[in-house]
Amino acid sequence: MEKKYNIPVEATLEIIGGKWKCVILCHLTHGKRRTNELKKLMPNITQKMLTQQLRELEDDGVINRIVHPEVPPKVEYELSEYGWSLQSILDSLCAWGENHITKVYGDKSAVLEESILNN
């Protein structure tokens, strides 16, 4: 049976929904990242969850997994051309989140972690 969506946003959320996928994608808008770099940027994600989310994003064609033939193997992730088409959505989500944090907490520096994404 063919998949049916009630509204198009369901298709979007199927790809980028959940707690971590947008965070991973936002980090990848700043360039290629190795798995351990992503883990350091997102200390609250488990290694298992990070690996799972990266695989799903790769399967959906949103990110590319680049394996460098070295010993030990070096693996990097980057946004695919298709993944870059999400940039305006990610920027909008970040802007809305920043406005929400300011509305609820006042000073965003009180609740935002130090991160290259928060500068």
N, C-alpha and C. Protein backbone atom coordinates (compact mmCIF):
# COMPACT_ATOMS: atom_id res chain seq x y z
N MET A 1 0.84 -1.20 0.00
CA MET A 1 0.00 0.00 0.00
C MET A 1 0.88 1.25 0.00
N GLU A 2 0.48 2.24 -0.77
CA GLU A 2 1.23 3.48 -0.83
C GLU A 2 1.05 4.28 0.44
N LYS A 3 2.10 5.02 0.80
CA LYS A 3 2.05 5.89 1.98
C LYS A 3 1.14 7.07 1.69
N LYS A 4 0.36 7.47 2.67
CA LYS A 4 -0.52 8.64 2.56
C LYS A 4 -0.21 9.58 3.71
N TYR A 5 -0.17 10.85 3.40
CA TYR A 5 0.04 11.89 4.41
C TYR A 5 -1.23 12.73 4.50
N ASN A 6 -1.57 13.14 5.70
CA ASN A 6 -2.70 14.02 5.91
C ASN A 6 -2.38 15.41 5.40
N ILE A 7 -1.19 15.93 5.78
CA ILE A 7 -0.71 17.23 5.29
C ILE A 7 0.79 17.11 5.04
N PRO A 8 1.37 17.96 4.17
CA PRO A 8 2.77 17.84 3.80
C PRO A 8 3.77 17.93 4.96
N VAL A 9 3.42 18.66 6.02
CA VAL A 9 4.36 18.79 7.13
C VAL A 9 4.68 17.42 7.75
N GLU A 10 3.77 16.46 7.62
CA GLU A 10 4.04 15.11 8.13
C GLU A 10 5.25 14.50 7.43
N ALA A 11 5.39 14.74 6.13
CA ALA A 11 6.53 14.22 5.38
C ALA A 11 7.82 14.87 5.86
N THR A 12 7.76 16.16 6.14
CA THR A 12 8.94 16.87 6.66
C THR A 12 9.35 16.31 8.01
N LEU A 13 8.37 16.18 8.91
CA LEU A 13 8.67 15.69 10.26
C LEU A 13 9.13 14.25 10.25
N GLU A 14 8.69 13.47 9.26
CA GLU A 14 9.15 12.10 9.16
C GLU A 14 10.67 12.06 8.93
N ILE A 15 11.20 13.05 8.25
CA ILE A 15 12.63 13.10 7.95
C ILE A 15 13.42 13.81 9.04
N ILE A 16 12.94 14.96 9.53
CA ILE A 16 13.74 15.76 10.47
C ILE A 16 13.16 15.80 11.89
N GLY A 17 12.09 15.04 12.13
CA GLY A 17 11.45 15.06 13.44
C GLY A 17 12.29 14.38 14.51
N GLY A 18 11.91 14.58 15.73
CA GLY A 18 12.62 13.99 16.85
C GLY A 18 13.53 15.01 17.51
N LYS A 19 14.14 14.58 18.59
CA LYS A 19 14.93 15.49 19.40
C LYS A 19 16.26 15.89 18.78
N TRP A 20 16.87 15.00 18.01
CA TRP A 20 18.26 15.20 17.62
C TRP A 20 18.52 15.53 16.16
N LYS A 21 17.65 15.16 15.25
CA LYS A 21 17.98 15.29 13.83
C LYS A 21 18.22 16.74 13.43
N CYS A 22 17.39 17.66 13.85
CA CYS A 22 17.60 19.07 13.50
C CYS A 22 18.89 19.60 14.10
N VAL A 23 19.22 19.14 15.31
CA VAL A 23 20.46 19.58 15.95
C VAL A 23 21.66 19.11 15.13
N ILE A 24 21.64 17.84 14.72
CA ILE A 24 22.71 17.31 13.88
C ILE A 24 22.81 18.12 12.59
N LEU A 25 21.67 18.35 11.94
CA LEU A 25 21.66 19.08 10.68
C LEU A 25 22.18 20.51 10.85
N CYS A 26 21.81 21.17 11.95
CA CYS A 26 22.31 22.52 12.19
C CYS A 26 23.84 22.52 12.33
N HIS A 27 24.38 21.54 13.03
CA HIS A 27 25.84 21.45 13.16
C HIS A 27 26.48 21.22 11.79
N LEU A 28 25.85 20.43 10.95
CA LEU A 28 26.43 20.14 9.64
C LEU A 28 26.32 21.32 8.67
N THR A 29 25.48 22.32 8.98
CA THR A 29 25.46 23.53 8.14
C THR A 29 26.75 24.31 8.31
N HIS A 30 27.53 24.01 9.35
CA HIS A 30 28.81 24.67 9.60
C HIS A 30 29.98 23.88 9.05
N GLY A 31 29.69 22.83 8.29
CA GLY A 31 30.76 22.06 7.66
C GLY A 31 30.74 20.60 8.04
N LYS A 32 31.64 19.86 7.41
CA LYS A 32 31.76 18.42 7.68
C LYS A 32 32.12 18.19 9.13
N ARG A 33 31.62 17.10 9.67
CA ARG A 33 31.92 16.73 11.06
C ARG A 33 32.14 15.23 11.15
N ARG A 34 33.08 14.85 11.99
CA ARG A 34 33.28 13.45 12.32
C ARG A 34 32.31 13.09 13.44
N THR A 35 32.07 11.80 13.61
CA THR A 35 31.13 11.35 14.63
C THR A 35 31.52 11.87 16.01
N ASN A 36 32.81 11.76 16.35
CA ASN A 36 33.23 12.20 17.69
C ASN A 36 33.10 13.71 17.87
N GLU A 37 33.23 14.48 16.78
CA GLU A 37 33.01 15.92 16.86
C GLU A 37 31.54 16.22 17.17
N LEU A 38 30.65 15.52 16.48
CA LEU A 38 29.22 15.71 16.73
C LEU A 38 28.88 15.33 18.17
N LYS A 39 29.47 14.26 18.65
CA LYS A 39 29.21 13.80 20.02
C LYS A 39 29.64 14.88 21.03
N LYS A 40 30.79 15.51 20.79
CA LYS A 40 31.26 16.57 21.69
C LYS A 40 30.35 17.79 21.63
N LEU A 41 29.81 18.08 20.44
CA LEU A 41 28.91 19.22 20.29
C LEU A 41 27.54 18.96 20.90
N MET A 42 27.19 17.67 21.08
CA MET A 42 25.90 17.28 21.65
C MET A 42 26.15 16.29 22.79
N PRO A 43 26.67 16.77 23.91
CA PRO A 43 27.06 15.84 24.97
C PRO A 43 25.92 15.02 25.57
N ASN A 44 24.68 15.43 25.39
CA ASN A 44 23.56 14.69 25.99
C ASN A 44 23.03 13.56 25.11
N ILE A 45 23.54 13.43 23.88
CA ILE A 45 23.09 12.33 23.02
C ILE A 45 23.96 11.11 23.30
N THR A 46 23.34 9.95 23.29
CA THR A 46 24.13 8.72 23.46
C THR A 46 24.78 8.37 22.13
N GLN A 47 25.87 7.61 22.19
CA GLN A 47 26.55 7.19 20.97
C GLN A 47 25.61 6.37 20.09
N LYS A 48 24.82 5.49 20.72
CA LYS A 48 23.87 4.66 19.98
C LYS A 48 22.84 5.51 19.24
N MET A 49 22.30 6.51 19.92
CA MET A 49 21.29 7.38 19.31
C MET A 49 21.91 8.21 18.19
N LEU A 50 23.13 8.73 18.40
CA LEU A 50 23.80 9.51 17.37
C LEU A 50 24.00 8.66 16.11
N THR A 51 24.49 7.45 16.29
CA THR A 51 24.71 6.55 15.17
C THR A 51 23.40 6.26 14.44
N GLN A 52 22.34 5.99 15.19
CA GLN A 52 21.03 5.71 14.61
C GLN A 52 20.51 6.90 13.81
N GLN A 53 20.61 8.10 14.38
CA GLN A 53 20.10 9.29 13.71
C GLN A 53 20.90 9.58 12.44
N LEU A 54 22.22 9.41 12.50
CA LEU A 54 23.06 9.62 11.32
C LEU A 54 22.70 8.64 10.22
N ARG A 55 22.47 7.39 10.58
CA ARG A 55 22.08 6.38 9.58
C ARG A 55 20.75 6.72 8.93
N GLU A 56 19.78 7.15 9.74
CA GLU A 56 18.47 7.50 9.19
C GLU A 56 18.57 8.71 8.27
N LEU A 57 19.33 9.71 8.66
CA LEU A 57 19.50 10.90 7.81
C LEU A 57 20.21 10.53 6.51
N GLU A 58 21.17 9.63 6.60
CA GLU A 58 21.86 9.16 5.39
C GLU A 58 20.91 8.37 4.50
N ASP A 59 20.14 7.47 5.11
CA ASP A 59 19.17 6.67 4.33
C ASP A 59 18.14 7.56 3.62
N ASP A 60 17.80 8.68 4.25
CA ASP A 60 16.82 9.60 3.67
C ASP A 60 17.46 10.55 2.65
N GLY A 61 18.77 10.45 2.46
CA GLY A 61 19.45 11.27 1.45
C GLY A 61 19.73 12.69 1.88
N VAL A 62 19.63 12.96 3.17
CA VAL A 62 19.80 14.32 3.68
C VAL A 62 21.26 14.61 4.01
N ILE A 63 22.01 13.58 4.38
CA ILE A 63 23.44 13.74 4.64
C ILE A 63 24.22 12.71 3.84
N ASN A 64 25.49 13.03 3.63
CA ASN A 64 26.42 12.10 3.00
C ASN A 64 27.40 11.60 4.04
N ARG A 65 27.72 10.32 3.98
CA ARG A 65 28.74 9.71 4.82
C ARG A 65 29.96 9.52 3.94
N ILE A 66 31.07 10.13 4.34
CA ILE A 66 32.30 10.07 3.56
C ILE A 66 33.30 9.23 4.34
N VAL A 67 33.73 8.13 3.73
CA VAL A 67 34.72 7.26 4.35
C VAL A 67 36.05 7.47 3.66
N HIS A 68 37.05 7.91 4.44
CA HIS A 68 38.40 8.10 3.91
C HIS A 68 39.18 6.81 4.13
N PRO A 69 39.83 6.30 3.07
CA PRO A 69 40.56 5.02 3.19
C PRO A 69 41.87 5.18 3.95
N GLU A 70 41.75 5.24 5.26
CA GLU A 70 42.91 5.36 6.14
C GLU A 70 42.83 4.26 7.17
N VAL A 71 43.92 4.10 7.92
CA VAL A 71 43.92 3.18 9.05
C VAL A 71 44.26 4.00 10.28
N PRO A 72 43.34 4.11 11.27
CA PRO A 72 41.97 3.61 11.22
C PRO A 72 41.12 4.44 10.25
N PRO A 73 39.99 3.89 9.78
CA PRO A 73 39.16 4.62 8.82
C PRO A 73 38.66 5.94 9.41
N LYS A 74 38.66 6.97 8.59
CA LYS A 74 38.14 8.28 8.99
C LYS A 74 36.80 8.47 8.30
N VAL A 75 35.76 8.73 9.09
CA VAL A 75 34.41 8.92 8.54
C VAL A 75 33.97 10.34 8.88
N GLU A 76 33.46 11.02 7.88
CA GLU A 76 32.90 12.36 8.07
C GLU A 76 31.48 12.38 7.52
N TYR A 77 30.71 13.32 8.04
CA TYR A 77 29.35 13.54 7.57
C TYR A 77 29.22 14.96 7.08
N GLU A 78 28.43 15.15 6.03
CA GLU A 78 28.15 16.47 5.50
C GLU A 78 26.72 16.48 4.98
N LEU A 79 26.17 17.68 4.86
CA LEU A 79 24.85 17.80 4.25
C LEU A 79 24.95 17.45 2.77
N SER A 80 24.00 16.71 2.27
CA SER A 80 23.92 16.46 0.84
C SER A 80 23.31 17.69 0.18
N GLU A 81 23.30 17.70 -1.13
CA GLU A 81 22.64 18.81 -1.84
C GLU A 81 21.18 18.88 -1.40
N TYR A 82 20.55 17.73 -1.27
CA TYR A 82 19.15 17.66 -0.81
C TYR A 82 19.04 18.18 0.62
N GLY A 83 20.01 17.84 1.45
CA GLY A 83 20.03 18.32 2.84
C GLY A 83 20.14 19.83 2.94
N TRP A 84 20.93 20.43 2.03
CA TRP A 84 21.05 21.90 2.04
C TRP A 84 19.71 22.57 1.76
N SER A 85 18.79 21.87 1.11
CA SER A 85 17.48 22.46 0.85
C SER A 85 16.68 22.67 2.14
N LEU A 86 17.16 22.11 3.25
CA LEU A 86 16.52 22.29 4.56
C LEU A 86 17.02 23.53 5.31
N GLN A 87 18.03 24.22 4.76
CA GLN A 87 18.66 25.30 5.51
C GLN A 87 17.68 26.38 5.97
N SER A 88 16.77 26.79 5.10
CA SER A 88 15.83 27.85 5.49
C SER A 88 14.91 27.37 6.62
N ILE A 89 14.54 26.09 6.59
CA ILE A 89 13.71 25.53 7.67
C ILE A 89 14.50 25.53 8.98
N LEU A 90 15.75 25.10 8.93
CA LEU A 90 16.59 25.05 10.13
C LEU A 90 16.82 26.45 10.68
N ASP A 91 17.09 27.41 9.78
CA ASP A 91 17.28 28.80 10.23
C ASP A 91 16.02 29.33 10.90
N SER A 92 14.86 29.02 10.33
CA SER A 92 13.59 29.47 10.92
C SER A 92 13.36 28.83 12.29
N LEU A 93 13.65 27.54 12.41
CA LEU A 93 13.50 26.86 13.71
C LEU A 93 14.42 27.47 14.77
N CYS A 94 15.65 27.78 14.39
CA CYS A 94 16.59 28.40 15.33
C CYS A 94 16.11 29.79 15.75
N ALA A 95 15.65 30.57 14.79
CA ALA A 95 15.17 31.92 15.11
C ALA A 95 13.95 31.86 16.02
N TRP A 96 13.03 30.96 15.73
CA TRP A 96 11.84 30.83 16.58
C TRP A 96 12.25 30.39 17.98
N GLY A 97 13.16 29.43 18.07
CA GLY A 97 13.61 28.95 19.37
C GLY A 97 14.28 30.04 20.19
N GLU A 98 15.08 30.86 19.52
CA GLU A 98 15.74 31.97 20.22
C GLU A 98 14.71 32.96 20.75
N ASN A 99 13.72 33.29 19.93
CA ASN A 99 12.65 34.19 20.38
C ASN A 99 11.87 33.58 21.54
N HIS A 100 11.60 32.29 21.46
CA HIS A 100 10.88 31.60 22.54
C HIS A 100 11.68 31.64 23.84
N ILE A 101 12.96 31.34 23.74
CA ILE A 101 13.81 31.36 24.95
C ILE A 101 13.81 32.74 25.57
N THR A 102 13.93 33.78 24.74
CA THR A 102 13.93 35.15 25.26
C THR A 102 12.59 35.48 25.91
N LYS A 103 11.50 35.05 25.30
CA LYS A 103 10.16 35.31 25.84
C LYS A 103 9.97 34.63 27.19
N VAL A 104 10.40 33.37 27.29
CA VAL A 104 10.15 32.59 28.50
C VAL A 104 11.17 32.87 29.60
N TYR A 105 12.45 33.00 29.21
CA TYR A 105 13.52 33.09 30.20
C TYR A 105 14.17 34.46 30.30
N GLY A 106 13.86 35.35 29.37
CA GLY A 106 14.50 36.66 29.37
C GLY A 106 15.89 36.59 28.77
N ASP A 107 16.86 36.33 29.61
CA ASP A 107 18.25 36.28 29.18
C ASP A 107 18.58 34.91 28.59
N LYS A 108 18.79 34.87 27.29
CA LYS A 108 19.05 33.57 26.65
C LYS A 108 20.35 32.95 27.10
N SER A 109 21.32 33.76 27.50
CA SER A 109 22.61 33.21 27.93
C SER A 109 22.47 32.38 29.20
N ALA A 110 21.38 32.59 29.94
CA ALA A 110 21.16 31.83 31.17
C ALA A 110 20.76 30.38 30.88
N VAL A 111 20.20 30.12 29.70
CA VAL A 111 19.71 28.76 29.42
C VAL A 111 20.36 28.11 28.18
N LEU A 112 21.10 28.88 27.39
CA LEU A 112 21.75 28.32 26.21
C LEU A 112 23.17 27.90 26.53
N GLU A 113 23.52 26.68 26.13
CA GLU A 113 24.88 26.18 26.30
C GLU A 113 25.83 27.00 25.43
N GLU A 114 27.10 26.99 25.81
CA GLU A 114 28.13 27.59 24.96
C GLU A 114 28.28 26.70 23.75
N SER A 115 28.13 27.24 22.56
CA SER A 115 28.22 26.46 21.33
C SER A 115 28.47 27.40 20.18
N ILE A 116 29.13 26.88 19.15
CA ILE A 116 29.35 27.71 17.96
C ILE A 116 28.03 28.13 17.33
N LEU A 117 26.98 27.34 17.56
CA LEU A 117 25.68 27.67 16.99
C LEU A 117 24.98 28.79 17.74
N ASN A 118 25.45 29.10 18.94
CA ASN A 118 24.76 30.11 19.78
C ASN A 118 25.47 31.45 19.80
N ASN A 119 26.40 31.65 18.90
CA ASN A 119 27.11 32.94 18.86
C ASN A 119 26.39 33.93 17.98
